[in-house]
Amino acid sequence: MDAIFQGFGPDPGAVALGREMAITKEKKSELMGSFGRGDQDTGSPEVQVALLTARINDLTEHFKTHAKDHASRRGLLMMVSKRSSLLKYLRLHDRKKYLEVISRLGIRK
């Protein structure tokens, strides 16, 4: 029966090596503290852009080994589009914050 379910769930080797796909709780809270306007700020555009950038970077690494994972590629493209929209909003409403965010994240060189 175990052979049927083999391959489902997280890859034990990847988890053991610290290569899981999701952003850890610690990393997420670190980004929220670093980019947030307050202690519990999760919704500001700066925090959302930082979280999306971390997820995009993780998926980009994923595609170096899994080039044919088209379903995840679609998710990546949606995240890039969402980040682009948030950056556009930030650029139009608070230019100084926009410039600070892109320089700290190293995007849009």
C-alpha atoms as a PDB file:
ATOM      1  CA  MET A   1       0.000   0.000   0.000  1.00  0.00           C
ATOM      2  CA  ASP A   2       2.900   2.358   0.692  1.00  0.00           C
ATOM      3  CA  ALA A   3       4.144   2.015  -2.886  1.00  0.00           C
ATOM      4  CA  ILE A   4       0.910   3.554  -4.160  1.00  0.00           C
ATOM      5  CA  PHE A   5       1.395   6.722  -2.157  1.00  0.00           C
ATOM      6  CA  GLN A   6       5.095   7.012  -2.814  1.00  0.00           C
ATOM      7  CA  GLY A   7       5.852  10.375  -4.387  1.00  0.00           C
ATOM      8  CA  PHE A   8       3.014  12.248  -2.708  1.00  0.00           C
ATOM      9  CA  GLY A   9       3.717  14.917  -0.143  1.00  0.00           C
ATOM     10  CA  PRO A  10       6.933  16.829   0.502  1.00  0.00           C
ATOM     11  CA  ASP A  11      10.194  15.336  -0.653  1.00  0.00           C
ATOM     12  CA  PRO A  12      11.913  14.074   2.528  1.00  0.00           C
ATOM     13  CA  GLY A  13      15.338  14.753   1.028  1.00  0.00           C
ATOM     14  CA  ALA A  14      14.457  18.342   0.193  1.00  0.00           C
ATOM     15  CA  VAL A  15      13.044  18.993   3.650  1.00  0.00           C
ATOM     16  CA  ALA A  16      16.125  17.482   5.302  1.00  0.00           C
ATOM     17  CA  LEU A  17      18.392  19.721   3.228  1.00  0.00           C
ATOM     18  CA  GLY A  18      16.308  22.823   3.973  1.00  0.00           C
ATOM     19  CA  ARG A  19      15.027  23.253   0.433  1.00  0.00           C
ATOM     20  CA  GLU A  20      11.303  23.351   1.079  1.00  0.00           C
ATOM     21  CA  MET A  21       9.330  25.596  -1.233  1.00  0.00           C
ATOM     22  CA  ALA A  22       7.284  27.699   1.162  1.00  0.00           C
ATOM     23  CA  ILE A  23       8.628  30.693   3.016  1.00  0.00           C
ATOM     24  CA  THR A  24       9.193  29.785   6.645  1.00  0.00           C
ATOM     25  CA  LYS A  25       7.319  31.565   9.403  1.00  0.00           C
ATOM     26  CA  GLU A  26      10.572  33.094  10.665  1.00  0.00           C
ATOM     27  CA  LYS A  27      11.510  34.438   7.228  1.00  0.00           C
ATOM     28  CA  LYS A  28       8.026  35.876   6.778  1.00  0.00           C
ATOM     29  CA  SER A  29       8.031  37.633  10.145  1.00  0.00           C
ATOM     30  CA  GLU A  30      11.551  38.926   9.450  1.00  0.00           C
ATOM     31  CA  LEU A  31      10.389  40.459   6.151  1.00  0.00           C
ATOM     32  CA  MET A  32       7.278  41.934   7.780  1.00  0.00           C
ATOM     33  CA  GLY A  33       9.385  43.493  10.531  1.00  0.00           C
ATOM     34  CA  SER A  34      11.930  44.813   8.070  1.00  0.00           C
ATOM     35  CA  PHE A  35       9.554  46.284   5.484  1.00  0.00           C
ATOM     36  CA  GLY A  36       6.410  46.873   7.560  1.00  0.00           C
ATOM     37  CA  ARG A  37       5.169  50.214   8.790  1.00  0.00           C
ATOM     38  CA  GLY A  38       4.325  48.749  12.204  1.00  0.00           C
ATOM     39  CA  ASP A  39       4.844  45.610  14.264  1.00  0.00           C
ATOM     40  CA  GLN A  40       1.944  43.598  12.850  1.00  0.00           C
ATOM     41  CA  ASP A  41       1.826  45.198   9.388  1.00  0.00           C
ATOM     42  CA  THR A  42       1.057  42.560   6.774  1.00  0.00           C
ATOM     43  CA  GLY A  43      -0.957  44.470   4.202  1.00  0.00           C
ATOM     44  CA  SER A  44       1.146  47.435   3.178  1.00  0.00           C
ATOM     45  CA  PRO A  45       2.444  47.334  -0.395  1.00  0.00           C
ATOM     46  CA  GLU A  46       6.046  47.286   0.842  1.00  0.00           C
ATOM     47  CA  VAL A  47       5.497  44.081   2.828  1.00  0.00           C
ATOM     48  CA  GLN A  48       3.508  42.444   0.038  1.00  0.00           C
ATOM     49  CA  VAL A  49       6.241  43.220  -2.501  1.00  0.00           C
ATOM     50  CA  ALA A  50       8.922  41.836  -0.166  1.00  0.00           C
ATOM     51  CA  LEU A  51       6.973  38.607   0.439  1.00  0.00           C
ATOM     52  CA  LEU A  52       6.233  38.170  -3.267  1.00  0.00           C
ATOM     53  CA  THR A  53       9.895  38.746  -4.104  1.00  0.00           C
ATOM     54  CA  ALA A  54      10.952  36.029  -1.654  1.00  0.00           C
ATOM     55  CA  ARG A  55       8.445  33.588  -3.162  1.00  0.00           C
ATOM     56  CA  ILE A  56       9.491  34.525  -6.707  1.00  0.00           C
ATOM     57  CA  ASN A  57      13.159  33.926  -5.851  1.00  0.00           C
ATOM     58  CA  ASP A  58      12.296  30.510  -4.366  1.00  0.00           C
ATOM     59  CA  LEU A  59      10.341  29.521  -7.466  1.00  0.00           C
ATOM     60  CA  THR A  60      13.119  30.741  -9.742  1.00  0.00           C
ATOM     61  CA  GLU A  61      15.511  28.366  -7.980  1.00  0.00           C
ATOM     62  CA  HIS A  62      12.906  25.597  -8.324  1.00  0.00           C
ATOM     63  CA  PHE A  63      12.816  26.050 -12.112  1.00  0.00           C
ATOM     64  CA  LYS A  64      16.554  25.525 -12.420  1.00  0.00           C
ATOM     65  CA  THR A  65      15.957  21.845 -11.641  1.00  0.00           C
ATOM     66  CA  HIS A  66      12.320  21.447 -12.755  1.00  0.00           C
ATOM     67  CA  ALA A  67      12.165  23.154 -16.135  1.00  0.00           C
ATOM     68  CA  LYS A  68       8.954  21.426 -17.243  1.00  0.00           C
ATOM     69  CA  ASP A  69       6.850  22.393 -14.216  1.00  0.00           C
ATOM     70  CA  HIS A  70       4.384  24.514 -16.176  1.00  0.00           C
ATOM     71  CA  ALA A  71       1.730  24.698 -13.451  1.00  0.00           C
ATOM     72  CA  SER A  72       4.179  26.356 -11.065  1.00  0.00           C
ATOM     73  CA  ARG A  73       5.387  28.596 -13.882  1.00  0.00           C
ATOM     74  CA  ARG A  74       1.846  29.931 -14.234  1.00  0.00           C
ATOM     75  CA  GLY A  75       1.833  30.720 -10.511  1.00  0.00           C
ATOM     76  CA  LEU A  76       5.185  32.450 -10.872  1.00  0.00           C
ATOM     77  CA  LEU A  77       3.880  34.622 -13.696  1.00  0.00           C
ATOM     78  CA  MET A  78       0.829  35.581 -11.630  1.00  0.00           C
ATOM     79  CA  MET A  79       3.078  36.532  -8.695  1.00  0.00           C
ATOM     80  CA  VAL A  80       5.330  38.624 -10.948  1.00  0.00           C
ATOM     81  CA  SER A  81       2.261  40.405 -12.329  1.00  0.00           C
ATOM     82  CA  LYS A  82       0.901  41.069  -8.838  1.00  0.00           C
ATOM     83  CA  ARG A  83       4.274  42.404  -7.691  1.00  0.00           C
ATOM     84  CA  SER A  84       4.441  44.634 -10.753  1.00  0.00           C
ATOM     85  CA  SER A  85       0.996  46.062  -9.961  1.00  0.00           C
ATOM     86  CA  LEU A  86       1.940  46.721  -6.341  1.00  0.00           C
ATOM     87  CA  LEU A  87       5.179  48.414  -7.409  1.00  0.00           C
ATOM     88  CA  LYS A  88       3.267  50.582  -9.866  1.00  0.00           C
ATOM     89  CA  TYR A  89       0.863  51.610  -7.090  1.00  0.00           C
ATOM     90  CA  LEU A  90       3.788  52.390  -4.804  1.00  0.00           C
ATOM     91  CA  ARG A  91       5.596  54.332  -7.527  1.00  0.00           C
ATOM     92  CA  LEU A  92       2.557  56.529  -8.168  1.00  0.00           C
ATOM     93  CA  HIS A  93       1.578  57.124  -4.535  1.00  0.00           C
ATOM     94  CA  ASP A  94       4.860  57.202  -2.597  1.00  0.00           C
ATOM     95  CA  ARG A  95       7.899  57.613  -4.810  1.00  0.00           C
ATOM     96  CA  LYS A  96      10.364  57.681  -1.913  1.00  0.00           C
ATOM     97  CA  LYS A  97       9.107  54.356  -0.484  1.00  0.00           C
ATOM     98  CA  TYR A  98       9.142  52.850  -3.981  1.00  0.00           C
ATOM     99  CA  LEU A  99      12.800  53.746  -4.519  1.00  0.00           C
ATOM    100  CA  GLU A 100      13.701  52.432  -1.057  1.00  0.00           C
ATOM    101  CA  VAL A 101      11.913  49.100  -1.612  1.00  0.00           C
ATOM    102  CA  ILE A 102      13.427  48.386  -5.028  1.00  0.00           C
ATOM    103  CA  SER A 103      16.927  49.259  -3.837  1.00  0.00           C
ATOM    104  CA  ARG A 104      16.645  47.048  -0.721  1.00  0.00           C
ATOM    105  CA  LEU A 105      15.229  44.119  -2.681  1.00  0.00           C
ATOM    106  CA  GLY A 106      17.615  44.517  -5.601  1.00  0.00           C
ATOM    107  CA  ILE A 107      14.935  44.575  -8.300  1.00  0.00           C
ATOM    108  CA  ARG A 108      14.522  46.880 -11.292  1.00  0.00           C
ATOM    109  CA  LYS A 109      18.155  47.764 -11.707  1.00  0.00           C
END
